[in-house]
Amino acid sequence: MKKFLIPALFSVFAIASTSCSSDDDGPRPNQDPTPAVTVATQGTWNVASFVDNGVDKTADFAGFTFTFNADNVVAVDGNGQTVAGTWSIVSDDDFDTPEDSNLDFNLFFQTPTTFRVFNEDWDIATYTDTRIELQDLDDDGPSDYLVFERN
């Protein structure tokens, strides 16, 4: 009986261990944030599109100019206001669902409350010398989208 039991158990174990697979393809390579930082710090930007929880709020930020300074301060001027916040672009190797880019564009404004809707670790969907498209994808609700265009 032992003659048959040990090989049978070994066979079951071998089949079970080789049939399991993982959806995890291993760590994604970190993406260098330097090119995106260089683009962001060149010139001034405006909000070309902003959708917050499925609601288009682009008009709320018309007339504002954003300057992303190399010291990670974002200066916003327009409509008789001057606002300061912080920003950064960092590499993100998290496995998100749905999958996003490997770069996060972080924005933070303490005041005024109007600008707090931008407080997020946005995923950079794409960027060029004249356009930065950000997204915050939500698995179970409306996603957020923010697009900056160079002035």
N, C-alpha and C. Protein backbone atom coordinates (compact mmCIF):
# COMPACT_ATOMS: atom_id res chain seq x y z
N MET A 1 0.82 -1.19 0.00
CA MET A 1 0.00 0.00 0.00
C MET A 1 0.87 1.26 0.00
N LYS A 2 1.94 1.28 0.83
CA LYS A 2 2.82 2.43 0.88
C LYS A 2 3.51 2.65 -0.47
N LYS A 3 3.76 1.56 -1.20
CA LYS A 3 4.40 1.67 -2.51
C LYS A 3 3.58 2.55 -3.45
N PHE A 4 2.28 2.44 -3.37
CA PHE A 4 1.41 3.18 -4.27
C PHE A 4 1.03 4.56 -3.71
N LEU A 5 0.94 4.69 -2.41
CA LEU A 5 0.51 5.93 -1.78
C LEU A 5 1.54 7.04 -1.94
N ILE A 6 2.80 6.76 -1.70
CA ILE A 6 3.83 7.79 -1.78
C ILE A 6 3.97 8.32 -3.21
N PRO A 7 4.08 7.48 -4.24
CA PRO A 7 4.15 8.03 -5.61
C PRO A 7 2.87 8.77 -6.00
N ALA A 8 1.72 8.29 -5.54
CA ALA A 8 0.46 8.96 -5.87
C ALA A 8 0.43 10.35 -5.23
N LEU A 9 0.81 10.47 -3.97
CA LEU A 9 0.85 11.77 -3.30
C LEU A 9 1.86 12.70 -3.97
N PHE A 10 3.00 12.17 -4.35
CA PHE A 10 4.02 12.96 -5.02
C PHE A 10 3.48 13.50 -6.35
N SER A 11 2.77 12.67 -7.09
CA SER A 11 2.20 13.08 -8.37
C SER A 11 1.16 14.18 -8.18
N VAL A 12 0.29 14.03 -7.19
CA VAL A 12 -0.73 15.04 -6.91
C VAL A 12 -0.06 16.36 -6.55
N PHE A 13 0.96 16.32 -5.70
CA PHE A 13 1.68 17.52 -5.29
C PHE A 13 2.35 18.19 -6.49
N ALA A 14 2.99 17.40 -7.34
CA ALA A 14 3.68 17.94 -8.51
C ALA A 14 2.70 18.62 -9.46
N ILE A 15 1.57 18.00 -9.70
CA ILE A 15 0.57 18.58 -10.60
C ILE A 15 -0.01 19.85 -10.00
N ALA A 16 -0.32 19.82 -8.72
CA ALA A 16 -0.91 20.98 -8.06
C ALA A 16 0.05 22.16 -8.04
N SER A 17 1.31 21.92 -7.80
CA SER A 17 2.26 23.03 -7.71
C SER A 17 2.59 23.63 -9.07
N THR A 18 2.49 22.88 -10.14
CA THR A 18 2.79 23.44 -11.46
C THR A 18 1.57 24.06 -12.11
N SER A 19 0.38 23.73 -11.66
CA SER A 19 -0.81 24.28 -12.28
C SER A 19 -1.17 25.64 -11.71
N CYS A 20 -0.61 26.02 -10.59
CA CYS A 20 -0.90 27.32 -10.00
C CYS A 20 -0.08 28.38 -10.72
N SER A 21 -0.72 29.46 -11.02
CA SER A 21 0.00 30.58 -11.62
C SER A 21 -0.42 31.85 -10.92
N SER A 22 0.33 32.87 -11.13
CA SER A 22 0.07 34.15 -10.50
C SER A 22 -0.20 35.18 -11.58
N ASP A 23 -1.12 36.10 -11.29
CA ASP A 23 -1.37 37.20 -12.20
C ASP A 23 -0.30 38.28 -12.04
N ASP A 24 0.48 38.20 -10.99
CA ASP A 24 1.51 39.17 -10.70
C ASP A 24 2.73 38.87 -11.56
N ASP A 25 3.04 39.78 -12.46
CA ASP A 25 4.18 39.58 -13.34
C ASP A 25 5.48 40.06 -12.72
N GLY A 26 5.47 40.29 -11.43
CA GLY A 26 6.66 40.80 -10.76
C GLY A 26 6.61 42.31 -10.71
N PRO A 27 7.56 42.90 -10.05
CA PRO A 27 7.53 44.35 -9.92
C PRO A 27 7.70 45.05 -11.27
N ARG A 28 6.93 46.10 -11.45
CA ARG A 28 7.08 46.89 -12.66
C ARG A 28 8.29 47.80 -12.48
N PRO A 29 8.99 48.07 -13.53
CA PRO A 29 10.17 48.92 -13.39
C PRO A 29 9.77 50.34 -13.04
N ASN A 30 10.56 50.96 -12.17
CA ASN A 30 10.31 52.36 -11.84
C ASN A 30 10.59 53.21 -13.06
N GLN A 31 9.75 54.20 -13.26
CA GLN A 31 9.92 55.11 -14.38
C GLN A 31 10.58 56.37 -13.86
N ASP A 32 11.55 56.89 -14.58
CA ASP A 32 12.27 58.09 -14.18
C ASP A 32 11.33 59.30 -14.30
N PRO A 33 11.09 60.02 -13.19
CA PRO A 33 10.18 61.17 -13.25
C PRO A 33 10.82 62.42 -13.84
N THR A 34 12.13 62.43 -14.05
CA THR A 34 12.84 63.64 -14.48
C THR A 34 12.28 64.27 -15.75
N PRO A 35 12.00 63.52 -16.82
CA PRO A 35 11.45 64.16 -18.03
C PRO A 35 10.10 64.84 -17.78
N ALA A 36 9.25 64.22 -17.00
CA ALA A 36 7.93 64.81 -16.70
C ALA A 36 8.09 66.07 -15.85
N VAL A 37 9.01 66.04 -14.89
CA VAL A 37 9.27 67.22 -14.05
C VAL A 37 9.78 68.36 -14.92
N THR A 38 10.67 68.05 -15.85
CA THR A 38 11.21 69.07 -16.75
C THR A 38 10.10 69.73 -17.55
N VAL A 39 9.17 68.94 -18.06
CA VAL A 39 8.04 69.49 -18.82
C VAL A 39 7.18 70.38 -17.93
N ALA A 40 6.85 69.91 -16.74
CA ALA A 40 5.95 70.65 -15.85
C ALA A 40 6.54 71.99 -15.42
N THR A 41 7.85 72.05 -15.25
CA THR A 41 8.47 73.28 -14.75
C THR A 41 8.78 74.29 -15.84
N GLN A 42 8.44 73.99 -17.07
CA GLN A 42 8.68 74.93 -18.17
C GLN A 42 7.40 75.69 -18.50
N GLY A 43 7.38 76.96 -18.20
CA GLY A 43 6.26 77.80 -18.56
C GLY A 43 5.12 77.75 -17.56
N THR A 44 3.99 78.30 -17.99
CA THR A 44 2.79 78.32 -17.15
C THR A 44 1.72 77.45 -17.80
N TRP A 45 0.76 77.03 -16.99
CA TRP A 45 -0.24 76.06 -17.41
C TRP A 45 -1.64 76.54 -17.01
N ASN A 46 -2.64 76.08 -17.74
CA ASN A 46 -4.03 76.33 -17.36
C ASN A 46 -4.77 75.00 -17.32
N VAL A 47 -5.90 75.01 -16.65
CA VAL A 47 -6.74 73.81 -16.57
C VAL A 47 -7.59 73.75 -17.85
N ALA A 48 -7.25 72.80 -18.71
CA ALA A 48 -8.00 72.62 -19.96
C ALA A 48 -9.25 71.78 -19.73
N SER A 49 -9.19 70.90 -18.72
CA SER A 49 -10.33 70.04 -18.40
C SER A 49 -10.18 69.53 -16.98
N PHE A 50 -11.28 69.54 -16.24
CA PHE A 50 -11.29 68.96 -14.90
C PHE A 50 -12.64 68.32 -14.66
N VAL A 51 -12.64 67.00 -14.48
CA VAL A 51 -13.86 66.24 -14.19
C VAL A 51 -13.67 65.60 -12.82
N ASP A 52 -14.53 65.98 -11.88
CA ASP A 52 -14.45 65.51 -10.49
C ASP A 52 -15.68 64.66 -10.18
N ASN A 53 -15.48 63.38 -9.94
CA ASN A 53 -16.59 62.45 -9.68
C ASN A 53 -17.66 62.51 -10.76
N GLY A 54 -17.22 62.60 -12.00
CA GLY A 54 -18.15 62.61 -13.11
C GLY A 54 -18.75 63.96 -13.44
N VAL A 55 -18.40 65.01 -12.69
CA VAL A 55 -18.95 66.34 -12.91
C VAL A 55 -17.87 67.24 -13.51
N ASP A 56 -18.18 67.88 -14.64
CA ASP A 56 -17.22 68.77 -15.30
C ASP A 56 -17.14 70.08 -14.51
N LYS A 57 -15.96 70.35 -13.95
CA LYS A 57 -15.73 71.56 -13.16
C LYS A 57 -14.66 72.45 -13.79
N THR A 58 -14.45 72.28 -15.08
CA THR A 58 -13.42 73.05 -15.78
C THR A 58 -13.64 74.55 -15.63
N ALA A 59 -14.88 75.00 -15.77
CA ALA A 59 -15.18 76.44 -15.72
C ALA A 59 -14.81 77.06 -14.38
N ASP A 60 -14.81 76.28 -13.30
CA ASP A 60 -14.46 76.81 -11.97
C ASP A 60 -13.02 77.29 -11.92
N PHE A 61 -12.18 76.86 -12.85
CA PHE A 61 -10.76 77.19 -12.81
C PHE A 61 -10.31 77.97 -14.04
N ALA A 62 -11.28 78.51 -14.79
CA ALA A 62 -10.95 79.36 -15.93
C ALA A 62 -10.30 80.64 -15.41
N GLY A 63 -9.29 81.11 -16.11
CA GLY A 63 -8.62 82.34 -15.73
C GLY A 63 -7.47 82.16 -14.75
N PHE A 64 -7.23 80.94 -14.30
CA PHE A 64 -6.11 80.67 -13.38
C PHE A 64 -4.91 80.14 -14.16
N THR A 65 -3.74 80.61 -13.77
CA THR A 65 -2.48 80.16 -14.36
C THR A 65 -1.67 79.44 -13.29
N PHE A 66 -1.20 78.24 -13.61
CA PHE A 66 -0.42 77.41 -12.68
C PHE A 66 1.05 77.44 -13.10
N THR A 67 1.92 77.67 -12.13
CA THR A 67 3.36 77.61 -12.36
C THR A 67 3.94 76.57 -11.41
N PHE A 68 4.51 75.51 -11.97
CA PHE A 68 5.10 74.43 -11.17
C PHE A 68 6.59 74.72 -11.03
N ASN A 69 6.97 75.23 -9.86
CA ASN A 69 8.36 75.62 -9.62
C ASN A 69 9.23 74.42 -9.25
N ALA A 70 10.52 74.55 -9.52
CA ALA A 70 11.47 73.47 -9.26
C ALA A 70 11.59 73.13 -7.77
N ASP A 71 11.20 74.06 -6.89
CA ASP A 71 11.26 73.81 -5.44
C ASP A 71 10.00 73.12 -4.92
N ASN A 72 9.20 72.58 -5.81
CA ASN A 72 7.96 71.85 -5.50
C ASN A 72 6.84 72.72 -4.95
N VAL A 73 6.91 74.02 -5.23
CA VAL A 73 5.81 74.91 -4.91
C VAL A 73 5.07 75.19 -6.21
N VAL A 74 3.75 75.06 -6.15
CA VAL A 74 2.92 75.43 -7.30
C VAL A 74 2.27 76.77 -6.97
N ALA A 75 2.46 77.74 -7.85
CA ALA A 75 1.88 79.07 -7.67
C ALA A 75 0.72 79.21 -8.66
N VAL A 76 -0.41 79.65 -8.14
CA VAL A 76 -1.60 79.82 -8.97
C VAL A 76 -2.01 81.29 -8.91
N ASP A 77 -2.15 81.91 -10.06
CA ASP A 77 -2.55 83.31 -10.14
C ASP A 77 -3.74 83.43 -11.07
N GLY A 78 -4.65 84.34 -10.71
CA GLY A 78 -5.78 84.61 -11.59
C GLY A 78 -7.02 85.00 -10.82
N ASN A 79 -7.89 85.69 -11.51
CA ASN A 79 -9.18 86.10 -10.94
C ASN A 79 -9.01 86.83 -9.61
N GLY A 80 -7.94 87.66 -9.51
CA GLY A 80 -7.70 88.45 -8.30
C GLY A 80 -7.17 87.64 -7.13
N GLN A 81 -6.74 86.42 -7.36
CA GLN A 81 -6.23 85.56 -6.29
C GLN A 81 -4.82 85.09 -6.60
N THR A 82 -4.06 84.86 -5.52
CA THR A 82 -2.78 84.18 -5.62
C THR A 82 -2.83 83.05 -4.61
N VAL A 83 -2.59 81.83 -5.07
CA VAL A 83 -2.69 80.64 -4.24
C VAL A 83 -1.39 79.87 -4.36
N ALA A 84 -0.93 79.30 -3.25
CA ALA A 84 0.27 78.47 -3.28
C ALA A 84 -0.05 77.08 -2.74
N GLY A 85 0.56 76.09 -3.35
CA GLY A 85 0.42 74.72 -2.90
C GLY A 85 1.73 73.99 -3.13
N THR A 86 1.70 72.68 -2.99
CA THR A 86 2.89 71.88 -3.26
C THR A 86 2.58 70.87 -4.35
N TRP A 87 3.62 70.43 -5.01
CA TRP A 87 3.47 69.45 -6.08
C TRP A 87 4.74 68.62 -6.17
N SER A 88 4.61 67.44 -6.74
CA SER A 88 5.76 66.59 -7.03
C SER A 88 5.34 65.54 -8.05
N ILE A 89 6.33 65.03 -8.74
CA ILE A 89 6.13 63.89 -9.64
C ILE A 89 7.08 62.82 -9.17
N VAL A 90 6.52 61.65 -8.85
CA VAL A 90 7.34 60.56 -8.32
C VAL A 90 7.02 59.26 -9.05
N SER A 91 7.97 58.36 -9.01
CA SER A 91 7.78 57.04 -9.59
C SER A 91 6.88 56.22 -8.68
N ASP A 92 5.96 55.47 -9.27
CA ASP A 92 5.00 54.66 -8.52
C ASP A 92 5.01 53.26 -9.12
N ASP A 93 5.47 52.28 -8.32
CA ASP A 93 5.51 50.91 -8.84
C ASP A 93 4.40 50.04 -8.25
N ASP A 94 3.35 50.68 -7.72
CA ASP A 94 2.22 49.92 -7.18
C ASP A 94 1.47 49.22 -8.30
N PHE A 95 0.87 48.09 -7.95
CA PHE A 95 -0.01 47.40 -8.89
C PHE A 95 -1.43 47.88 -8.62
N ASP A 96 -1.91 48.74 -9.47
CA ASP A 96 -3.25 49.29 -9.31
C ASP A 96 -4.20 48.57 -10.25
N THR A 97 -5.47 48.59 -9.86
CA THR A 97 -6.51 48.04 -10.71
C THR A 97 -7.54 49.13 -10.91
N PRO A 98 -7.79 49.57 -12.11
CA PRO A 98 -7.10 49.18 -13.33
C PRO A 98 -5.68 49.73 -13.34
N GLU A 99 -4.84 49.11 -14.15
CA GLU A 99 -3.43 49.49 -14.19
C GLU A 99 -3.29 50.91 -14.72
N ASP A 100 -2.36 51.62 -14.13
CA ASP A 100 -2.11 52.99 -14.56
C ASP A 100 -0.63 53.17 -14.86
N SER A 101 -0.24 54.41 -15.03
CA SER A 101 1.16 54.68 -15.34
C SER A 101 2.03 54.48 -14.11
N ASN A 102 3.31 54.55 -14.31
CA ASN A 102 4.25 54.41 -13.20
C ASN A 102 4.64 55.75 -12.60
N LEU A 103 3.98 56.83 -12.99
CA LEU A 103 4.30 58.15 -12.44
C LEU A 103 3.08 58.74 -11.76
N ASP A 104 3.29 59.29 -10.58
CA ASP A 104 2.25 60.00 -9.85
C ASP A 104 2.57 61.49 -9.86
N PHE A 105 1.54 62.30 -10.09
CA PHE A 105 1.64 63.76 -10.02
C PHE A 105 0.88 64.16 -8.76
N ASN A 106 1.60 64.52 -7.72
CA ASN A 106 0.99 64.84 -6.43
C ASN A 106 0.73 66.33 -6.33
N LEU A 107 -0.49 66.68 -5.95
CA LEU A 107 -0.87 68.08 -5.74
C LEU A 107 -1.47 68.22 -4.35
N PHE A 108 -1.15 69.35 -3.69
CA PHE A 108 -1.75 69.62 -2.38
C PHE A 108 -1.91 71.12 -2.18
N PHE A 109 -3.15 71.52 -1.86
CA PHE A 109 -3.46 72.90 -1.51
C PHE A 109 -4.13 72.90 -0.14
N GLN A 110 -3.61 73.72 0.77
CA GLN A 110 -4.22 73.86 2.09
C GLN A 110 -5.44 74.76 2.00
N THR A 111 -5.28 75.90 1.33
CA THR A 111 -6.35 76.87 1.14
C THR A 111 -6.23 77.44 -0.26
N PRO A 112 -7.22 78.02 -0.80
CA PRO A 112 -8.61 78.00 -0.36
C PRO A 112 -9.24 76.63 -0.62
N THR A 113 -10.36 76.43 -0.03
CA THR A 113 -11.01 75.12 -0.15
C THR A 113 -11.35 74.78 -1.61
N THR A 114 -11.54 75.81 -2.43
CA THR A 114 -11.84 75.58 -3.85
C THR A 114 -10.79 74.71 -4.52
N PHE A 115 -9.53 74.90 -4.13
CA PHE A 115 -8.43 74.18 -4.78
C PHE A 115 -8.16 72.81 -4.15
N ARG A 116 -8.80 72.51 -3.04
CA ARG A 116 -8.58 71.20 -2.40
C ARG A 116 -9.07 70.03 -3.24
N VAL A 117 -9.93 70.30 -4.21
CA VAL A 117 -10.39 69.21 -5.09
C VAL A 117 -9.23 68.63 -5.90
N PHE A 118 -8.12 69.38 -5.99
CA PHE A 118 -6.94 68.89 -6.70
C PHE A 118 -6.04 68.05 -5.82
N ASN A 119 -6.29 68.00 -4.51
CA ASN A 119 -5.43 67.26 -3.58
C ASN A 119 -5.53 65.76 -3.85
N GLU A 120 -4.53 65.24 -4.52
CA GLU A 120 -4.59 63.85 -4.97
C GLU A 120 -3.21 63.40 -5.43
N ASP A 121 -2.99 62.12 -5.40
CA ASP A 121 -1.81 61.55 -6.07
C ASP A 121 -2.28 61.05 -7.43
N TRP A 122 -2.34 61.98 -8.36
CA TRP A 122 -2.85 61.72 -9.70
C TRP A 122 -1.91 60.80 -10.46
N ASP A 123 -2.46 59.93 -11.27
CA ASP A 123 -1.67 59.11 -12.17
C ASP A 123 -1.48 59.89 -13.47
N ILE A 124 -0.25 59.95 -13.95
CA ILE A 124 -0.01 60.61 -15.23
C ILE A 124 -0.41 59.64 -16.34
N ALA A 125 -1.47 59.99 -17.06
CA ALA A 125 -1.94 59.16 -18.17
C ALA A 125 -1.01 59.35 -19.37
N THR A 126 -0.70 60.61 -19.66
CA THR A 126 0.21 60.94 -20.75
C THR A 126 0.66 62.38 -20.59
N TYR A 127 1.80 62.69 -21.20
CA TYR A 127 2.23 64.08 -21.21
C TYR A 127 3.07 64.36 -22.45
N THR A 128 2.97 65.62 -22.90
CA THR A 128 3.79 66.12 -23.99
C THR A 128 4.36 67.45 -23.52
N ASP A 129 5.06 68.15 -24.39
CA ASP A 129 5.61 69.45 -24.02
C ASP A 129 4.53 70.49 -23.76
N THR A 130 3.32 70.25 -24.25
CA THR A 130 2.25 71.24 -24.13
C THR A 130 1.01 70.75 -23.40
N ARG A 131 1.01 69.50 -22.94
CA ARG A 131 -0.21 68.95 -22.32
C ARG A 131 0.17 67.87 -21.31
N ILE A 132 -0.47 67.92 -20.14
CA ILE A 132 -0.29 66.89 -19.10
C ILE A 132 -1.68 66.36 -18.75
N GLU A 133 -1.91 65.08 -18.99
CA GLU A 133 -3.20 64.46 -18.70
C GLU A 133 -3.07 63.57 -17.46
N LEU A 134 -3.89 63.89 -16.45
CA LEU A 134 -3.86 63.16 -15.18
C LEU A 134 -5.18 62.45 -14.97
N GLN A 135 -5.13 61.37 -14.21
CA GLN A 135 -6.36 60.63 -13.91
C GLN A 135 -6.26 60.02 -12.52
N ASP A 136 -7.41 59.88 -11.90
CA ASP A 136 -7.54 59.14 -10.64
C ASP A 136 -8.65 58.14 -10.88
N LEU A 137 -8.26 56.93 -11.26
CA LEU A 137 -9.23 55.91 -11.64
C LEU A 137 -9.83 55.26 -10.41
N ASP A 138 -11.14 55.11 -10.42
CA ASP A 138 -11.86 54.51 -9.30
C ASP A 138 -12.52 53.23 -9.79
N ASP A 139 -12.30 52.15 -9.06
CA ASP A 139 -12.86 50.85 -9.46
C ASP A 139 -14.39 50.80 -9.36
N ASP A 140 -14.95 51.55 -8.41
CA ASP A 140 -16.38 51.38 -8.15
C ASP A 140 -17.16 52.70 -8.16
N GLY A 141 -16.64 53.68 -8.84
CA GLY A 141 -17.36 54.95 -8.92
C GLY A 141 -16.78 55.80 -10.03
N PRO A 142 -17.29 57.02 -10.15
CA PRO A 142 -16.76 57.90 -11.19
C PRO A 142 -15.28 58.21 -10.96
N SER A 143 -14.53 58.23 -12.02
CA SER A 143 -13.11 58.58 -11.95
C SER A 143 -12.94 60.08 -12.13
N ASP A 144 -11.77 60.58 -11.75
CA ASP A 144 -11.45 62.00 -11.87
C ASP A 144 -10.40 62.19 -12.95
N TYR A 145 -10.51 63.30 -13.67
CA TYR A 145 -9.58 63.61 -14.75
C TYR A 145 -9.19 65.08 -14.68
N LEU A 146 -7.91 65.36 -14.85
CA LEU A 146 -7.40 66.73 -14.82
C LEU A 146 -6.40 66.87 -15.96
N VAL A 147 -6.62 67.88 -16.80
CA VAL A 147 -5.73 68.12 -17.93
C VAL A 147 -5.20 69.55 -17.85
N PHE A 148 -3.87 69.67 -17.86
CA PHE A 148 -3.22 70.97 -17.93
C PHE A 148 -2.69 71.17 -19.34
N GLU A 149 -2.85 72.41 -19.86
CA GLU A 149 -2.25 72.77 -21.14
C GLU A 149 -1.37 73.98 -20.93
N ARG A 150 -0.23 73.99 -21.62
CA ARG A 150 0.70 75.11 -21.51
C ARG A 150 0.08 76.36 -22.14
N ASN A 151 0.29 77.47 -21.47
CA ASN A 151 -0.20 78.77 -21.98
C ASN A 151 0.67 79.25 -23.13
